[in-house]
Amino acid sequence: MARLLSDAVALTERQQLVRSNIREICADFDREYWRRRADEGAYPKEFVDALADHGWMGILLPAEYGGAGMGTRETVVMMEEIAANGGGFSAAQAVHGGVYNSVPIVEYASEEIKDDLLPDVAAGETSIQAFGLTEPNAGSDSTAIETRAQKEGDEYVINGQKIWTSRVDVSDYIVLVARTTPRADVDKRTRGISMFLVDLADAHEQGALEMEPIPKSASDFVHSFELWFDDLRVPESNLIGVEGDGFYQVLDGLNEERLVIAAECIGLGRLALERAVEYATDREVFDRPIGTNQAIQHPLAEAYARLQAAKQLTYNAADRAASDEDVDLGAYANAAKFLAADAAYEAADAAVQTHGGFGIATEYDVERYFREARLTRLVPITQQLALNYIGENVLGLSRSY
């Protein structure tokens, strides 16, 4: 069966090259591979290594550091194809941090850090898979973080707690966000936040890091952790950018990353829909394929239409991001994420319903897609926060939070 939505948008020659190469890599990892990873809760190291061997972990890194020097237009293709070709949203998330957590290094870190670290990241020899921001008392309100980094001589001493920090177990470094000035002492709550590059092996050697996995029902092979930092000493040279400007550094590039999340949702929706169509074509009841029935056809057709619309918006926004146009990329990014997450959820729900009782059987995979699709409506922001942005910044309504 032709890949659903594969021709939904016109691709540049470079985008076509990305799609072709990623599909070739994904072809070596079949459904059984991803099913085993999910059953065992095992990180797909072989898959990530294959991507790294072909240079794709450095897709956003400049050529001067050994990267591919590509941008958002190419990354949306890469991540959609990873999700669509067997692994789903979890497969994309297994890679996502390694691709995006190096972006603040490129933009803000010292030349010494960039020269020492980025070529190894591009080569897949070093990973920056973890990003430490969310805290128990600071979820969507990132300015409320309480983790504290205090300057002592030529070091920062960090104390605090993080939660929902993913891929720490497969990362060499974590980009850690902490307050260098307490919230009560700044004139604007977005001030006084800083970013640090933390060597995780060094943190463990200091005995300054404890980590506990968080049991969860989605993204089985991408593990999330609760972290505690106790007098972690970080060299002053590992400060990323300007002290106190970390919040703005986090925001920089956030909209483009959100478009890539939307593409991952679309890929998951494609995968769920393709499996549903396959089953509806093969499964016969009352001497005919169940796909003959409108009760099966219509939800799948509607899911296709929703995914088509979400993909058009996402790719159009990626084109805008690569242009010199003065556009509100936040409006595009939040709308794309909202529509793509809902489209993925509807596609996965329709896939489960199409399979009937087998929809909850792990051997058919669609129950995993459904759990992942539900997750996409929560991360990296909830659907409600995406609507808040549109309501306030596009429609001009009063701030609601």
Protein backbone atom coordinates (compact mmCIF):
# COMPACT_ATOMS: atom_id res chain seq x y z
CA MET A 1 0.00 0.00 0.00
CA ALA A 2 1.28 3.47 -0.88
CA ARG A 3 2.48 5.45 2.09
CA LEU A 4 -0.41 7.56 3.31
CA LEU A 5 0.11 11.32 3.04
CA SER A 6 3.53 10.85 1.45
CA ASP A 7 2.60 13.25 -1.36
CA ALA A 8 0.52 15.62 0.74
CA VAL A 9 2.96 18.48 0.20
CA ALA A 10 5.54 19.36 -2.42
CA LEU A 11 9.08 18.75 -1.15
CA THR A 12 12.31 20.46 -2.11
CA GLU A 13 15.09 18.35 -3.56
CA ARG A 14 16.88 18.38 -0.22
CA GLN A 15 13.73 17.36 1.64
CA GLN A 16 13.27 14.47 -0.78
CA LEU A 17 16.85 13.39 -0.10
CA VAL A 18 16.17 13.42 3.64
CA ARG A 19 12.97 11.42 3.23
CA SER A 20 14.64 8.82 1.02
CA ASN A 21 17.61 8.35 3.35
CA ILE A 22 15.53 8.14 6.52
CA ARG A 23 13.19 5.60 4.93
CA GLU A 24 16.17 3.44 3.95
CA ILE A 25 17.43 3.45 7.53
CA CYS A 26 13.97 2.75 8.97
CA ALA A 27 13.50 -0.19 6.60
CA ASP A 28 16.09 -2.12 8.62
CA PHE A 29 13.94 -1.87 11.75
CA ASP A 30 10.67 -3.71 11.34
CA ARG A 31 7.53 -3.85 13.45
CA GLU A 32 8.90 -6.68 15.52
CA TYR A 33 11.94 -4.60 16.46
CA TRP A 34 9.80 -1.78 17.82
CA ARG A 35 7.43 -4.21 19.51
CA ARG A 36 10.34 -5.82 21.36
CA ARG A 37 11.72 -2.45 22.40
CA ALA A 38 8.32 -1.53 23.81
CA ASP A 39 7.80 -4.89 25.54
CA GLU A 40 11.26 -4.79 27.12
CA GLY A 41 11.25 -1.06 27.80
CA ALA A 42 14.63 -0.96 26.09
CA TYR A 43 15.96 2.20 24.45
CA PRO A 44 16.35 1.67 20.65
CA LYS A 45 20.11 2.13 20.69
CA GLU A 46 20.68 0.25 17.44
CA PHE A 47 18.28 2.55 15.60
CA VAL A 48 19.76 5.74 17.07
CA ASP A 49 23.27 4.49 16.28
CA ALA A 50 22.22 3.85 12.68
CA LEU A 51 20.97 7.42 12.37
CA ALA A 52 24.18 8.71 13.93
CA ASP A 53 26.32 6.62 11.57
CA HIS A 54 24.60 8.36 8.66
CA GLY A 55 25.10 11.80 10.21
CA TRP A 56 21.48 12.52 11.07
CA MET A 57 22.01 13.28 14.75
CA GLY A 58 23.84 16.36 13.52
CA ILE A 59 21.14 17.51 11.11
CA LEU A 60 20.91 20.94 12.78
CA LEU A 61 24.61 21.38 13.51
CA PRO A 62 26.62 23.71 11.29
CA ALA A 63 28.98 22.11 8.78
CA GLU A 64 31.97 23.67 10.54
CA TYR A 65 31.33 21.32 13.47
CA GLY A 66 30.75 18.27 11.28
CA GLY A 67 26.97 18.64 11.07
CA ALA A 68 24.63 18.56 8.09
CA GLY A 69 23.87 22.27 8.31
CA MET A 70 20.16 21.77 7.63
CA GLY A 71 17.14 23.47 9.18
CA THR A 72 13.51 23.10 10.19
CA ARG A 73 12.26 22.26 6.70
CA GLU A 74 14.46 19.18 6.58
CA THR A 75 13.99 18.22 10.23
CA VAL A 76 10.19 18.04 9.97
CA VAL A 77 10.66 15.51 7.15
CA MET A 78 13.18 13.48 9.13
CA MET A 79 11.09 13.25 12.28
CA GLU A 80 7.79 12.59 10.50
CA GLU A 81 9.35 9.70 8.60
CA ILE A 82 10.89 8.22 11.74
CA ALA A 83 7.49 8.23 13.44
CA ALA A 84 5.63 6.99 10.36
CA ASN A 85 7.88 4.09 9.49
CA GLY A 86 7.22 1.76 12.40
CA GLY A 87 8.45 3.35 15.60
CA GLY A 88 5.74 5.93 16.20
CA PHE A 89 6.05 8.99 18.42
CA SER A 90 8.34 7.16 20.84
CA ALA A 91 10.89 6.46 18.12
CA ALA A 92 10.93 10.13 17.22
CA GLN A 93 11.26 11.09 20.88
CA ALA A 94 14.19 8.70 21.28
CA VAL A 95 16.01 10.93 18.79
CA HIS A 96 14.44 14.34 19.38
CA GLY A 97 16.52 15.38 22.39
CA GLY A 98 19.77 14.40 20.76
CA VAL A 99 18.93 16.62 17.79
CA TYR A 100 17.53 19.64 19.60
CA ASN A 101 19.44 19.90 22.88
CA SER A 102 22.58 20.87 20.98
CA VAL A 103 20.87 23.91 19.47
CA PRO A 104 21.41 26.13 22.57
CA ILE A 105 25.06 25.07 22.50
CA VAL A 106 25.40 26.27 18.92
CA GLU A 107 23.63 29.55 19.64
CA TYR A 108 25.00 30.50 23.05
CA ALA A 109 27.86 28.37 24.34
CA SER A 110 31.50 29.44 24.28
CA GLU A 111 33.64 28.66 21.25
CA GLU A 112 35.69 26.33 23.43
CA ILE A 113 32.65 24.21 24.32
CA LYS A 114 31.46 24.19 20.72
CA ASP A 115 34.83 23.16 19.35
CA ASP A 116 35.31 20.45 21.97
CA LEU A 117 31.80 19.02 22.01
CA LEU A 118 29.84 19.52 18.81
CA PRO A 119 32.01 17.48 16.40
CA ASP A 120 31.56 14.47 18.70
CA VAL A 121 27.82 15.12 18.86
CA ALA A 122 27.65 15.29 15.06
CA ALA A 123 29.58 12.02 14.82
CA GLY A 124 27.28 10.30 17.30
CA GLU A 125 30.10 9.73 19.76
CA THR A 126 28.66 12.07 22.41
CA SER A 127 25.02 12.70 23.24
CA ILE A 128 23.13 15.61 24.78
CA GLN A 129 19.83 13.78 25.03
CA ALA A 130 18.58 15.30 28.30
CA PHE A 131 17.11 18.72 29.03
CA GLY A 132 16.32 19.60 32.66
CA LEU A 133 13.61 22.24 33.01
CA THR A 134 10.34 20.94 34.50
CA GLU A 135 9.97 20.78 38.29
CA PRO A 136 7.28 19.50 40.66
CA ASN A 137 6.23 23.07 41.53
CA ALA A 138 6.92 24.51 38.09
CA GLY A 139 5.20 22.73 35.23
CA SER A 140 4.04 25.02 32.45
CA ASP A 141 5.19 28.08 34.40
CA SER A 142 8.91 27.74 33.80
CA THR A 143 9.66 31.00 35.61
CA ALA A 144 8.64 29.31 38.87
CA ILE A 145 11.57 26.89 38.89
CA GLU A 146 13.29 26.63 42.27
CA THR A 147 16.52 24.80 41.36
CA ARG A 148 19.25 27.22 42.44
CA ALA A 149 22.73 27.79 41.00
CA GLN A 150 24.92 29.92 43.28
CA LYS A 151 28.27 31.28 42.18
CA GLU A 152 31.26 30.25 44.32
CA GLY A 153 34.60 31.34 42.90
CA ASP A 154 34.96 29.90 39.41
CA GLU A 155 32.15 27.39 39.94
CA TYR A 156 28.38 27.26 40.29
CA VAL A 157 26.88 25.11 43.05
CA ILE A 158 23.52 23.69 42.02
CA ASN A 159 20.79 22.37 44.30
CA GLY A 160 17.26 21.41 43.39
CA GLN A 161 14.92 18.92 41.80
CA LYS A 162 13.73 18.19 38.27
CA ILE A 163 10.95 15.95 37.05
CA TRP A 164 9.94 14.42 33.71
CA THR A 165 13.50 14.67 32.45
CA SER A 166 13.79 12.16 29.63
CA ARG A 167 16.70 10.11 28.26
CA VAL A 168 19.05 10.88 31.16
CA ASP A 169 20.02 7.19 31.16
CA VAL A 170 21.34 7.39 27.59
CA SER A 171 22.90 10.84 27.69
CA ASP A 172 26.42 12.07 28.32
CA TYR A 173 25.34 15.62 29.13
CA ILE A 174 22.24 17.43 30.32
CA VAL A 175 21.33 21.01 29.53
CA LEU A 176 20.16 22.17 32.94
CA VAL A 177 18.06 25.25 33.65
CA ALA A 178 18.37 26.84 37.10
CA ARG A 179 17.79 30.13 38.87
CA THR A 180 20.91 32.18 39.42
CA THR A 181 18.80 34.91 41.02
CA PRO A 182 15.75 34.04 43.14
CA ARG A 183 12.40 34.98 41.63
CA ALA A 184 11.70 37.31 44.54
CA ASP A 185 14.83 39.34 43.73
CA VAL A 186 14.21 40.08 40.03
CA ASP A 187 12.09 42.89 38.63
CA LYS A 188 10.68 40.56 35.97
CA ARG A 189 9.98 36.90 36.62
CA THR A 190 11.61 35.83 33.35
CA ARG A 191 14.95 37.23 34.55
CA GLY A 192 17.51 35.46 36.70
CA ILE A 193 17.31 32.08 34.96
CA SER A 194 20.43 30.51 33.45
CA MET A 195 21.40 27.46 31.41
CA PHE A 196 24.27 25.09 32.18
CA LEU A 197 25.95 22.21 30.43
CA VAL A 198 26.36 19.41 32.97
CA ASP A 199 28.59 16.39 32.48
CA LEU A 200 26.45 13.57 33.89
CA ALA A 201 29.40 11.26 34.58
CA ASP A 202 31.02 14.03 36.60
CA ALA A 203 27.76 14.67 38.49
CA HIS A 204 27.60 10.99 39.46
CA GLU A 205 31.26 10.94 40.47
CA GLN A 206 30.63 13.90 42.76
CA GLY A 207 27.75 11.99 44.34
CA ALA A 208 25.68 15.09 43.60
CA LEU A 209 22.98 13.50 41.45
CA GLU A 210 20.25 11.06 42.34
CA MET A 211 17.78 9.84 39.74
CA GLU A 212 14.64 7.77 39.91
CA PRO A 213 12.71 6.47 36.87
CA ILE A 214 9.06 7.51 36.58
CA PRO A 215 6.76 4.58 35.68
CA LYS A 216 4.45 5.59 32.84
CA SER A 217 2.03 4.11 30.32
CA ALA A 218 3.35 5.69 27.11
CA SER A 219 6.71 5.96 25.35
CA ASP A 220 7.74 2.65 26.85
CA PHE A 221 11.33 2.74 25.63
CA VAL A 222 12.02 6.43 26.24
CA HIS A 223 12.52 6.69 29.98
CA SER A 224 11.75 9.73 32.12
CA PHE A 225 13.29 10.52 35.48
CA GLU A 226 13.00 12.56 38.61
CA LEU A 227 16.35 14.13 39.47
CA TRP A 228 17.80 15.57 42.67
CA PHE A 229 20.91 17.76 42.64
CA ASP A 230 22.79 18.14 45.91
CA ASP A 231 25.71 20.60 45.85
CA LEU A 232 26.55 19.82 42.24
CA ARG A 233 29.61 21.81 41.24
CA VAL A 234 29.73 23.01 37.65
CA PRO A 235 32.62 25.03 36.18
CA GLU A 236 31.82 28.63 35.39
CA SER A 237 32.89 27.89 31.82
CA ASN A 238 29.88 25.56 31.47
CA LEU A 239 27.43 28.44 31.74
CA ILE A 240 25.57 28.57 28.42
CA GLY A 241 25.17 32.14 27.22
CA VAL A 242 24.63 35.07 29.55
CA GLU A 243 23.80 34.55 33.21
CA GLY A 244 20.20 35.50 33.86
CA ASP A 245 19.09 35.28 30.22
CA GLY A 246 18.38 31.56 30.20
CA PHE A 247 14.61 31.91 29.93
CA TYR A 248 14.95 33.82 26.67
CA GLN A 249 17.51 31.35 25.41
CA VAL A 250 15.04 28.52 26.08
CA LEU A 251 12.38 30.37 24.10
CA ASP A 252 14.68 30.99 21.15
CA GLY A 253 13.95 28.34 18.55
CA LEU A 254 11.04 26.94 20.56
CA ASN A 255 8.50 27.56 17.81
CA GLU A 256 10.56 25.72 15.21
CA GLU A 257 11.00 22.79 17.59
CA ARG A 258 7.23 22.80 18.14
CA LEU A 259 6.74 22.42 14.39
CA VAL A 260 8.94 19.33 14.49
CA ILE A 261 6.80 17.92 17.32
CA ALA A 262 3.77 18.51 15.08
CA ALA A 263 5.51 16.55 12.32
CA GLU A 264 6.14 13.69 14.75
CA CYS A 265 2.42 13.66 15.59
CA ILE A 266 1.59 13.51 11.88
CA GLY A 267 3.99 10.61 11.43
CA LEU A 268 2.33 8.73 14.28
CA GLY A 269 -1.10 9.41 12.77
CA ARG A 270 0.10 8.14 9.40
CA LEU A 271 1.39 4.97 10.99
CA ALA A 272 -1.84 4.29 12.90
CA LEU A 273 -3.96 5.01 9.82
CA GLU A 274 -1.85 2.79 7.59
CA ARG A 275 -2.17 -0.12 10.01
CA ALA A 276 -5.93 0.42 10.25
CA VAL A 277 -6.39 0.47 6.48
CA GLU A 278 -4.27 -2.66 6.16
CA TYR A 279 -6.39 -4.48 8.74
CA ALA A 280 -9.67 -3.21 7.30
CA THR A 281 -8.63 -4.52 3.90
CA ASP A 282 -7.52 -7.97 5.10
CA ARG A 283 -10.04 -8.72 7.83
CA GLU A 284 -13.23 -10.36 6.57
CA VAL A 285 -16.52 -10.63 8.45
CA PHE A 286 -19.76 -11.87 6.87
CA ASP A 287 -17.76 -12.83 3.77
CA ARG A 288 -16.45 -9.36 2.98
CA PRO A 289 -13.66 -7.05 4.15
CA ILE A 290 -14.71 -4.90 7.08
CA GLY A 291 -13.41 -1.87 5.19
CA THR A 292 -16.46 -2.20 2.96
CA ASN A 293 -18.59 -0.84 5.79
CA GLN A 294 -19.02 2.93 6.12
CA ALA A 295 -18.78 2.58 9.90
CA ILE A 296 -15.16 1.63 9.31
CA GLN A 297 -14.48 3.76 6.23
CA HIS A 298 -15.73 7.11 7.46
CA PRO A 299 -13.62 7.43 10.64
CA LEU A 300 -10.52 6.46 8.67
CA ALA A 301 -11.33 8.90 5.88
CA GLU A 302 -11.94 11.66 8.41
CA ALA A 303 -8.62 10.87 10.10
CA TYR A 304 -6.90 11.12 6.73
CA ALA A 305 -8.46 14.52 6.06
CA ARG A 306 -7.40 15.85 9.47
CA LEU A 307 -3.84 14.60 9.04
CA GLN A 308 -3.70 16.11 5.57
CA ALA A 309 -4.73 19.52 6.90
CA ALA A 310 -2.31 19.38 9.81
CA LYS A 311 0.55 18.39 7.52
CA GLN A 312 -0.17 21.23 5.10
CA LEU A 313 -0.06 23.76 7.92
CA THR A 314 3.07 22.29 9.51
CA TYR A 315 5.08 22.21 6.31
CA ASN A 316 3.88 25.65 5.26
CA ALA A 317 5.01 26.98 8.63
CA ALA A 318 8.40 25.26 8.24
CA ASP A 319 8.77 27.03 4.89
CA ARG A 320 7.92 30.34 6.56
CA ALA A 321 10.50 29.67 9.27
CA ALA A 322 13.16 29.24 6.61
CA SER A 323 12.20 32.43 4.79
CA ASP A 324 12.94 36.06 5.51
CA GLU A 325 9.25 36.82 6.00
CA ASP A 326 8.19 38.67 9.10
CA VAL A 327 5.53 36.27 10.42
CA ASP A 328 4.19 35.30 13.81
CA LEU A 329 5.79 31.87 13.82
CA GLY A 330 4.33 31.22 17.26
CA ALA A 331 0.83 31.36 15.79
CA TYR A 332 1.74 28.80 13.15
CA ALA A 333 3.64 26.57 15.58
CA ASN A 334 0.90 26.44 18.20
CA ALA A 335 -1.85 25.90 15.64
CA ALA A 336 0.18 23.16 13.95
CA LYS A 337 0.90 21.38 17.21
CA PHE A 338 -2.75 21.62 18.27
CA LEU A 339 -4.11 20.27 14.99
CA ALA A 340 -1.44 17.59 14.57
CA ALA A 341 -1.88 16.19 18.08
CA ASP A 342 -5.64 16.02 17.68
CA ALA A 343 -5.29 14.46 14.23
CA ALA A 344 -2.90 11.82 15.58
CA TYR A 345 -5.28 11.04 18.43
CA GLU A 346 -8.27 10.66 16.09
CA ALA A 347 -6.27 8.43 13.75
CA ALA A 348 -5.05 6.20 16.58
CA ASP A 349 -8.53 5.98 18.09
CA ALA A 350 -9.98 5.01 14.71
CA ALA A 351 -7.23 2.40 14.30
CA VAL A 352 -8.07 0.80 17.63
CA GLN A 353 -11.79 0.80 16.80
CA THR A 354 -11.12 -0.72 13.39
CA HIS A 355 -9.29 -3.62 15.01
CA GLY A 356 -12.19 -4.32 17.37
CA GLY A 357 -11.12 -6.53 20.26
CA PHE A 358 -7.68 -6.91 18.72
CA GLY A 359 -7.26 -3.16 19.13
CA ILE A 360 -6.01 -3.71 22.67
CA ALA A 361 -3.80 -6.69 21.76
CA THR A 362 -0.15 -5.68 21.87
CA GLU A 363 0.67 -7.86 18.84
CA TYR A 364 -1.20 -5.41 16.60
CA ASP A 365 0.61 -2.34 17.98
CA VAL A 366 -2.30 0.10 17.62
CA GLU A 367 -2.93 0.21 21.37
CA ARG A 368 0.62 1.55 21.74
CA TYR A 369 -0.04 4.15 19.08
CA PHE A 370 -3.18 5.19 20.95
CA ARG A 371 -1.27 5.65 24.21
CA GLU A 372 1.36 7.67 22.42
CA ALA A 373 -1.26 9.78 20.64
CA ARG A 374 -2.85 10.64 23.97
CA LEU A 375 0.55 11.76 25.21
CA THR A 376 0.98 14.16 22.28
CA ARG A 377 -1.94 16.21 23.59
CA LEU A 378 0.06 16.86 26.77
CA VAL A 379 3.64 17.42 25.56
CA PRO A 380 5.62 19.54 25.10
CA ILE A 381 2.68 21.80 25.92
CA THR A 382 -0.95 20.97 26.50
CA GLN A 383 -3.58 21.68 23.89
CA GLN A 384 -5.02 24.31 26.21
CA LEU A 385 -1.75 26.26 26.34
CA ALA A 386 -1.55 26.21 22.56
CA LEU A 387 -5.04 27.70 22.47
CA ASN A 388 -4.05 30.25 25.10
CA TYR A 389 -1.29 31.50 22.82
CA ILE A 390 -3.63 31.80 19.87
CA GLY A 391 -6.35 33.46 21.93
CA GLU A 392 -4.02 36.07 23.39
CA ASN A 393 -1.47 36.69 20.64
CA VAL A 394 -3.53 36.10 17.51
CA LEU A 395 -7.08 36.99 18.48
CA GLY A 396 -6.07 39.78 20.83
CA LEU A 397 -8.02 38.48 23.82
CA SER A 398 -7.03 39.17 27.42
CA ARG A 399 -4.40 36.95 29.03
CA SER A 400 -6.17 34.09 30.81
CA TYR A 401 -3.35 32.79 33.02
